[in-house]
């Protein structure tokens, strides 16, 4: 009985490390979605280029005539994707994974403006 407890105790940190590395995984490829800016501006259809380098997530959003912006400090923790970017002021975002695999949430700037954002993963073939 003691031996199995020792084996379990030794294996637990490895399982936890593997689990946290897996938490940082996001399907690479061209995601689609939208951004609804603060105020009464219309929703903008966008694409997101998602890449993985080890367990580091890199995302760039292409908003057409509004520009292309790299997300900084991208973190995926459980079902929450957080990052910030600067389309002007620094905008902080927190998106939650939906049951269909897409992410949806809000972004806010220091002046109190909020926007909503949706990220839909590439279709599986």
Protein backbone atom coordinates (compact mmCIF):
# COMPACT_ATOMS: atom_id res chain seq x y z
CA UNK A 1 0.00 0.00 0.00
CA UNK A 2 2.85 2.39 0.80
CA UNK A 3 4.50 1.69 -2.57
CA UNK A 4 1.41 2.73 -4.55
CA UNK A 5 1.13 5.91 -2.49
CA UNK A 6 4.78 6.74 -3.26
CA UNK A 7 4.29 6.06 -6.98
CA UNK A 8 1.15 8.21 -7.02
CA UNK A 9 2.93 11.03 -5.16
CA UNK A 10 5.80 10.94 -7.64
CA UNK A 11 3.49 10.85 -10.68
CA UNK A 12 1.19 13.66 -9.52
CA UNK A 13 3.58 16.54 -10.34
CA UNK A 14 4.14 15.07 -13.82
CA UNK A 15 0.38 14.89 -14.42
CA UNK A 16 -0.09 18.45 -13.20
CA UNK A 17 2.72 19.70 -15.42
CA UNK A 18 1.27 17.88 -18.42
CA UNK A 19 -2.20 19.27 -17.66
CA UNK A 20 -1.00 22.86 -17.47
CA UNK A 21 0.96 22.52 -20.72
CA UNK A 22 -2.17 21.15 -22.38
CA UNK A 23 -4.16 24.10 -21.01
CA UNK A 24 -2.09 26.41 -23.23
CA UNK A 25 -2.97 24.60 -26.47
CA UNK A 26 -5.18 26.32 -29.04
CA UNK A 27 -5.90 24.93 -32.50
CA UNK A 28 -3.60 26.66 -34.99
CA UNK A 29 -4.98 28.04 -38.23
CA UNK A 30 -7.25 30.77 -39.53
CA UNK A 31 -10.09 31.40 -37.12
CA UNK A 32 -13.05 33.59 -38.07
CA UNK A 33 -15.29 35.81 -36.02
CA UNK A 34 -16.36 39.31 -35.25
CA UNK A 35 -15.70 42.36 -33.14
CA UNK A 36 -18.49 44.70 -32.08
CA UNK A 37 -16.80 48.00 -31.17
CA UNK A 38 -18.01 50.27 -28.35
CA UNK A 39 -20.83 52.66 -29.15
CA UNK A 40 -23.07 52.30 -32.15
CA UNK A 41 -20.48 51.19 -34.68
CA UNK A 42 -21.43 48.13 -36.74
CA UNK A 43 -19.97 44.69 -36.09
CA UNK A 44 -16.74 44.02 -38.01
CA UNK A 45 -16.09 40.56 -39.51
CA UNK A 46 -12.48 39.57 -38.75
CA UNK A 47 -10.05 36.68 -39.09
CA UNK A 48 -7.57 35.51 -36.46
CA UNK A 49 -4.27 33.87 -37.35
CA UNK A 50 -3.49 31.47 -34.50
CA UNK A 51 -0.07 29.83 -34.23
CA UNK A 52 1.58 27.69 -31.56
CA UNK A 53 5.29 27.73 -30.73
CA UNK A 54 5.75 25.10 -28.05
CA UNK A 55 3.15 26.05 -25.44
CA UNK A 56 3.13 29.74 -26.48
CA UNK A 57 0.05 30.99 -28.29
CA UNK A 58 0.38 33.78 -30.87
CA UNK A 59 -2.71 35.44 -32.32
CA UNK A 60 -3.02 38.24 -34.88
CA UNK A 61 -6.41 39.70 -35.73
CA UNK A 62 -7.05 41.07 -39.23
CA UNK A 63 -9.88 43.60 -39.18
CA UNK A 64 -9.70 44.60 -42.87
CA UNK A 65 -9.60 48.36 -43.35
CA UNK A 66 -9.33 48.83 -39.56
CA UNK A 67 -5.91 47.16 -39.48
CA UNK A 68 -4.05 44.11 -38.25
CA UNK A 69 -3.13 43.78 -34.58
CA UNK A 70 -1.00 41.26 -32.68
CA UNK A 71 -2.34 40.09 -29.33
CA UNK A 72 0.08 40.26 -26.40
CA UNK A 73 0.41 38.03 -23.31
CA UNK A 74 -2.03 35.45 -24.70
CA UNK A 75 -2.99 32.96 -21.99
CA UNK A 76 -5.44 30.07 -22.05
CA UNK A 77 -6.38 28.97 -18.55
CA UNK A 78 -9.07 26.31 -18.44
CA UNK A 79 -11.87 27.85 -20.56
CA UNK A 80 -10.71 31.48 -20.41
CA UNK A 81 -8.56 33.12 -23.10
CA UNK A 82 -6.99 36.42 -22.02
CA UNK A 83 -4.81 38.89 -23.93
CA UNK A 84 -4.38 42.57 -24.71
CA UNK A 85 -3.75 44.58 -27.86
CA UNK A 86 -3.44 48.22 -28.92
CA UNK A 87 -5.73 49.40 -31.73
CA UNK A 88 -5.22 52.84 -30.14
CA UNK A 89 -5.58 52.58 -26.36
CA UNK A 90 -4.55 49.35 -24.64
CA UNK A 91 -7.52 46.97 -24.76
CA UNK A 92 -7.74 44.04 -22.30
CA UNK A 93 -9.82 41.01 -23.31
CA UNK A 94 -11.25 37.92 -21.61
CA UNK A 95 -13.06 35.38 -23.76
CA UNK A 96 -14.74 32.19 -22.55
CA UNK A 97 -14.79 28.92 -24.51
CA UNK A 98 -18.31 27.93 -25.52
CA UNK A 99 -19.48 24.33 -25.83
CA UNK A 100 -18.99 24.52 -29.64
CA UNK A 101 -15.26 25.37 -29.21
CA UNK A 102 -15.61 29.06 -30.10
CA UNK A 103 -14.58 31.83 -27.71
CA UNK A 104 -16.78 34.79 -26.82
CA UNK A 105 -16.34 37.68 -24.44
CA UNK A 106 -15.59 41.33 -23.89
CA UNK A 107 -12.68 43.69 -24.22
CA UNK A 108 -12.29 46.94 -22.34
CA UNK A 109 -10.17 50.08 -22.56
CA UNK A 110 -9.04 52.43 -19.75
CA UNK A 111 -11.79 54.96 -20.59
CA UNK A 112 -14.50 52.37 -19.86
CA UNK A 113 -15.33 51.48 -23.46
CA UNK A 114 -16.25 47.83 -24.02
CA UNK A 115 -16.41 45.76 -27.16
CA UNK A 116 -17.53 42.18 -27.72
CA UNK A 117 -15.44 39.62 -29.58
CA UNK A 118 -16.12 36.16 -31.01
CA UNK A 119 -13.46 33.68 -32.23
CA UNK A 120 -14.61 30.56 -34.14
CA UNK A 121 -12.06 27.77 -34.74
CA UNK A 122 -11.26 26.49 -38.25
CA UNK A 123 -13.70 23.89 -39.56
CA UNK A 124 -12.53 20.29 -39.18
CA UNK A 125 -12.25 18.44 -42.50
